[in-house]
Amino acid sequence: MKENAIKAAEYHKSGLSCSASVLSAFRNEISLDEKQAVLTAMPMAGGRMTKCGAVLAAEYVIRNKYPDDIAEKKVNDFEKKFISMNKSVICRELKGTGTGKVLRSCRGCVMDSAEILSEIIQDNNV
């Protein structure tokens, strides 16, 4: 597991939301301090924006790290990888709300998002 993925999982274990965990682990990539990362992540958490908060936080990092044209491709790559692992990026579907079938735990989504984001940042190819 990549270093930032481990950090993200540790943040989540300590009680941070899914989005705050991912954004805090990658905050140095986009020049945020820890408080800014947590505050920025608040509206993304808990399925408030339909998509998984860990996914939204990773996409936030990508969109703030790269120019628009590169960011768009990297966000698309991120979502394809996440969906191939978890079958959805929609929070309620991942949590099994209404179906009773959990596709992935919140911590699992945090770890997967952080792993994929680490790979995307390390990949210099567009």
C-alpha atoms as a PDB file:
ATOM      1  CA  MET A   1       0.000   0.000   0.000  1.00  0.00           C
ATOM      2  CA  LYS A   2       1.306   3.446  -0.905  1.00  0.00           C
ATOM      3  CA  GLU A   3       2.298   5.913   1.838  1.00  0.00           C
ATOM      4  CA  ASN A   4      -0.584   8.336   1.254  1.00  0.00           C
ATOM      5  CA  ALA A   5      -3.072   5.451   1.196  1.00  0.00           C
ATOM      6  CA  ILE A   6      -1.797   4.369   4.608  1.00  0.00           C
ATOM      7  CA  LYS A   7      -2.102   7.968   5.851  1.00  0.00           C
ATOM      8  CA  ALA A   8      -5.657   8.220   4.512  1.00  0.00           C
ATOM      9  CA  ALA A   9      -6.657   4.979   6.269  1.00  0.00           C
ATOM     10  CA  GLU A  10      -5.090   6.226   9.518  1.00  0.00           C
ATOM     11  CA  TYR A  11      -6.954   9.532   9.277  1.00  0.00           C
ATOM     12  CA  HIS A  12     -10.202   7.615   8.749  1.00  0.00           C
ATOM     13  CA  LYS A  13      -9.488   5.337  11.720  1.00  0.00           C
ATOM     14  CA  SER A  14      -8.926   8.466  13.834  1.00  0.00           C
ATOM     15  CA  GLY A  15     -12.454   9.679  13.054  1.00  0.00           C
ATOM     16  CA  LEU A  16     -12.095  11.948  10.027  1.00  0.00           C
ATOM     17  CA  SER A  17     -14.741  11.625   7.321  1.00  0.00           C
ATOM     18  CA  CYS A  18     -14.015   9.765   4.096  1.00  0.00           C
ATOM     19  CA  SER A  19     -13.402  12.983   2.152  1.00  0.00           C
ATOM     20  CA  ALA A  20     -11.332  14.628   4.908  1.00  0.00           C
ATOM     21  CA  SER A  21      -9.184  11.503   5.190  1.00  0.00           C
ATOM     22  CA  VAL A  22      -8.265  11.501   1.501  1.00  0.00           C
ATOM     23  CA  LEU A  23      -7.842  15.270   1.239  1.00  0.00           C
ATOM     24  CA  SER A  24      -5.713  15.393   4.409  1.00  0.00           C
ATOM     25  CA  ALA A  25      -3.441  12.623   3.163  1.00  0.00           C
ATOM     26  CA  PHE A  26      -2.832  14.476  -0.114  1.00  0.00           C
ATOM     27  CA  ARG A  27      -3.006  18.056   1.158  1.00  0.00           C
ATOM     28  CA  ASN A  28       0.645  18.777   0.353  1.00  0.00           C
ATOM     29  CA  GLU A  29      -0.026  18.036  -3.320  1.00  0.00           C
ATOM     30  CA  ILE A  30      -2.256  21.123  -3.506  1.00  0.00           C
ATOM     31  CA  SER A  31      -0.734  23.280  -0.735  1.00  0.00           C
ATOM     32  CA  LEU A  32      -3.427  22.967   1.927  1.00  0.00           C
ATOM     33  CA  ASP A  33      -2.771  22.793   5.644  1.00  0.00           C
ATOM     34  CA  GLU A  34      -4.598  20.188   7.714  1.00  0.00           C
ATOM     35  CA  LYS A  35      -7.355  22.558   8.872  1.00  0.00           C
ATOM     36  CA  GLN A  36      -8.002  23.753   5.300  1.00  0.00           C
ATOM     37  CA  ALA A  37      -8.149  20.153   4.088  1.00  0.00           C
ATOM     38  CA  VAL A  38     -10.722  19.167   6.704  1.00  0.00           C
ATOM     39  CA  LEU A  39     -12.864  22.269   6.111  1.00  0.00           C
ATOM     40  CA  THR A  40     -12.701  21.913   2.324  1.00  0.00           C
ATOM     41  CA  ALA A  41     -13.751  18.269   2.582  1.00  0.00           C
ATOM     42  CA  MET A  42     -16.796  18.868   4.813  1.00  0.00           C
ATOM     43  CA  PRO A  43     -19.413  19.339   2.063  1.00  0.00           C
ATOM     44  CA  MET A  44     -18.154  16.221   0.240  1.00  0.00           C
ATOM     45  CA  ALA A  45     -18.652  13.809   3.142  1.00  0.00           C
ATOM     46  CA  GLY A  46     -21.418  11.342   3.807  1.00  0.00           C
ATOM     47  CA  GLY A  47     -22.903  11.193   0.345  1.00  0.00           C
ATOM     48  CA  ARG A  48     -24.115  14.806   0.508  1.00  0.00           C
ATOM     49  CA  MET A  49     -23.059  15.343  -3.096  1.00  0.00           C
ATOM     50  CA  THR A  50     -24.290  11.907  -4.284  1.00  0.00           C
ATOM     51  CA  LYS A  51     -20.803  10.631  -5.158  1.00  0.00           C
ATOM     52  CA  CYS A  52     -18.617   8.946  -2.572  1.00  0.00           C
ATOM     53  CA  GLY A  53     -16.760  11.570  -0.515  1.00  0.00           C
ATOM     54  CA  ALA A  54     -13.446   9.755  -0.920  1.00  0.00           C
ATOM     55  CA  VAL A  55     -13.915   9.886  -4.698  1.00  0.00           C
ATOM     56  CA  LEU A  56     -14.840  13.577  -4.618  1.00  0.00           C
ATOM     57  CA  ALA A  57     -11.795  14.403  -2.481  1.00  0.00           C
ATOM     58  CA  ALA A  58      -9.474  12.564  -4.872  1.00  0.00           C
ATOM     59  CA  GLU A  59     -11.048  14.369  -7.823  1.00  0.00           C
ATOM     60  CA  TYR A  60     -10.633  17.683  -5.977  1.00  0.00           C
ATOM     61  CA  VAL A  61      -6.905  16.992  -5.618  1.00  0.00           C
ATOM     62  CA  ILE A  62      -6.602  16.122  -9.308  1.00  0.00           C
ATOM     63  CA  ARG A  63      -8.543  19.204 -10.447  1.00  0.00           C
ATOM     64  CA  ASN A  64      -6.426  21.501  -8.271  1.00  0.00           C
ATOM     65  CA  LYS A  65      -3.095  19.909  -9.169  1.00  0.00           C
ATOM     66  CA  TYR A  66      -3.345  19.770 -12.973  1.00  0.00           C
ATOM     67  CA  PRO A  67      -4.465  22.071 -15.806  1.00  0.00           C
ATOM     68  CA  ASP A  68      -8.084  21.524 -16.903  1.00  0.00           C
ATOM     69  CA  ASP A  69      -7.385  19.363 -19.968  1.00  0.00           C
ATOM     70  CA  ILE A  70      -5.031  17.037 -18.095  1.00  0.00           C
ATOM     71  CA  ALA A  71      -7.233  17.007 -14.985  1.00  0.00           C
ATOM     72  CA  GLU A  72     -10.281  15.928 -16.983  1.00  0.00           C
ATOM     73  CA  LYS A  73      -8.446  12.895 -18.382  1.00  0.00           C
ATOM     74  CA  LYS A  74      -7.023  11.987 -14.982  1.00  0.00           C
ATOM     75  CA  VAL A  75     -10.457  12.281 -13.314  1.00  0.00           C
ATOM     76  CA  ASN A  76     -11.927  10.005 -15.985  1.00  0.00           C
ATOM     77  CA  ASP A  77      -9.085   7.509 -15.457  1.00  0.00           C
ATOM     78  CA  PHE A  78      -9.624   7.684 -11.698  1.00  0.00           C
ATOM     79  CA  GLU A  79     -13.352   6.965 -11.985  1.00  0.00           C
ATOM     80  CA  LYS A  80     -12.826   4.075 -14.414  1.00  0.00           C
ATOM     81  CA  LYS A  81     -10.359   2.443 -12.014  1.00  0.00           C
ATOM     82  CA  PHE A  82     -12.579   3.034  -8.983  1.00  0.00           C
ATOM     83  CA  ILE A  83     -15.659   1.644 -10.745  1.00  0.00           C
ATOM     84  CA  SER A  84     -13.722  -1.401 -11.956  1.00  0.00           C
ATOM     85  CA  MET A  85     -12.809  -2.112  -8.321  1.00  0.00           C
ATOM     86  CA  ASN A  86     -16.107  -1.208  -6.647  1.00  0.00           C
ATOM     87  CA  LYS A  87     -18.850  -1.184  -9.319  1.00  0.00           C
ATOM     88  CA  SER A  88     -19.936   2.409  -8.538  1.00  0.00           C
ATOM     89  CA  VAL A  89     -18.854   5.874  -7.399  1.00  0.00           C
ATOM     90  CA  ILE A  90     -22.279   6.630  -5.866  1.00  0.00           C
ATOM     91  CA  CYS A  91     -22.183   6.671  -2.066  1.00  0.00           C
ATOM     92  CA  ARG A  92     -25.594   5.084  -1.425  1.00  0.00           C
ATOM     93  CA  GLU A  93     -24.832   2.257  -3.887  1.00  0.00           C
ATOM     94  CA  LEU A  94     -21.432   1.604  -2.298  1.00  0.00           C
ATOM     95  CA  LYS A  95     -22.986   1.575   1.191  1.00  0.00           C
ATOM     96  CA  GLY A  96     -25.910  -0.596   0.102  1.00  0.00           C
ATOM     97  CA  THR A  97     -28.534   1.952   1.128  1.00  0.00           C
ATOM     98  CA  GLY A  98     -31.878   0.615  -0.028  1.00  0.00           C
ATOM     99  CA  THR A  99     -30.443  -2.639  -1.356  1.00  0.00           C
ATOM    100  CA  GLY A 100     -28.810  -4.072   1.742  1.00  0.00           C
ATOM    101  CA  LYS A 101     -25.856  -5.119  -0.423  1.00  0.00           C
ATOM    102  CA  VAL A 102     -22.730  -3.221   0.605  1.00  0.00           C
ATOM    103  CA  LEU A 103     -20.325  -2.965  -2.325  1.00  0.00           C
ATOM    104  CA  ARG A 104     -17.484  -1.417  -0.296  1.00  0.00           C
ATOM    105  CA  SER A 105     -17.023  -0.070   3.220  1.00  0.00           C
ATOM    106  CA  CYS A 106     -16.242   3.601   3.728  1.00  0.00           C
ATOM    107  CA  ARG A 107     -12.697   2.772   4.850  1.00  0.00           C
ATOM    108  CA  GLY A 108     -12.305   0.557   1.794  1.00  0.00           C
ATOM    109  CA  CYS A 109     -13.381   3.461  -0.423  1.00  0.00           C
ATOM    110  CA  VAL A 110     -10.878   5.738   1.342  1.00  0.00           C
ATOM    111  CA  MET A 111      -8.064   3.244   0.783  1.00  0.00           C
ATOM    112  CA  ASP A 112      -9.031   2.559  -2.838  1.00  0.00           C
ATOM    113  CA  SER A 113      -9.328   6.274  -3.635  1.00  0.00           C
ATOM    114  CA  ALA A 114      -5.961   7.015  -2.055  1.00  0.00           C
ATOM    115  CA  GLU A 115      -4.262   4.110  -3.857  1.00  0.00           C
ATOM    116  CA  ILE A 116      -5.662   5.120  -7.244  1.00  0.00           C
ATOM    117  CA  LEU A 117      -4.850   8.795  -6.635  1.00  0.00           C
ATOM    118  CA  SER A 118      -1.261   7.886  -5.714  1.00  0.00           C
ATOM    119  CA  GLU A 119      -0.920   5.960  -8.970  1.00  0.00           C
ATOM    120  CA  ILE A 120      -2.397   8.813 -11.006  1.00  0.00           C
ATOM    121  CA  ILE A 121      -0.057  11.372  -9.429  1.00  0.00           C
ATOM    122  CA  GLN A 122       2.971   9.126 -10.011  1.00  0.00           C
ATOM    123  CA  ASP A 123       1.980   8.533 -13.636  1.00  0.00           C
ATOM    124  CA  ASN A 124       3.531  11.339 -15.646  1.00  0.00           C
ATOM    125  CA  ASN A 125       1.813  10.190 -18.830  1.00  0.00           C
ATOM    126  CA  VAL A 126      -1.351  11.999 -19.775  1.00  0.00           C
END
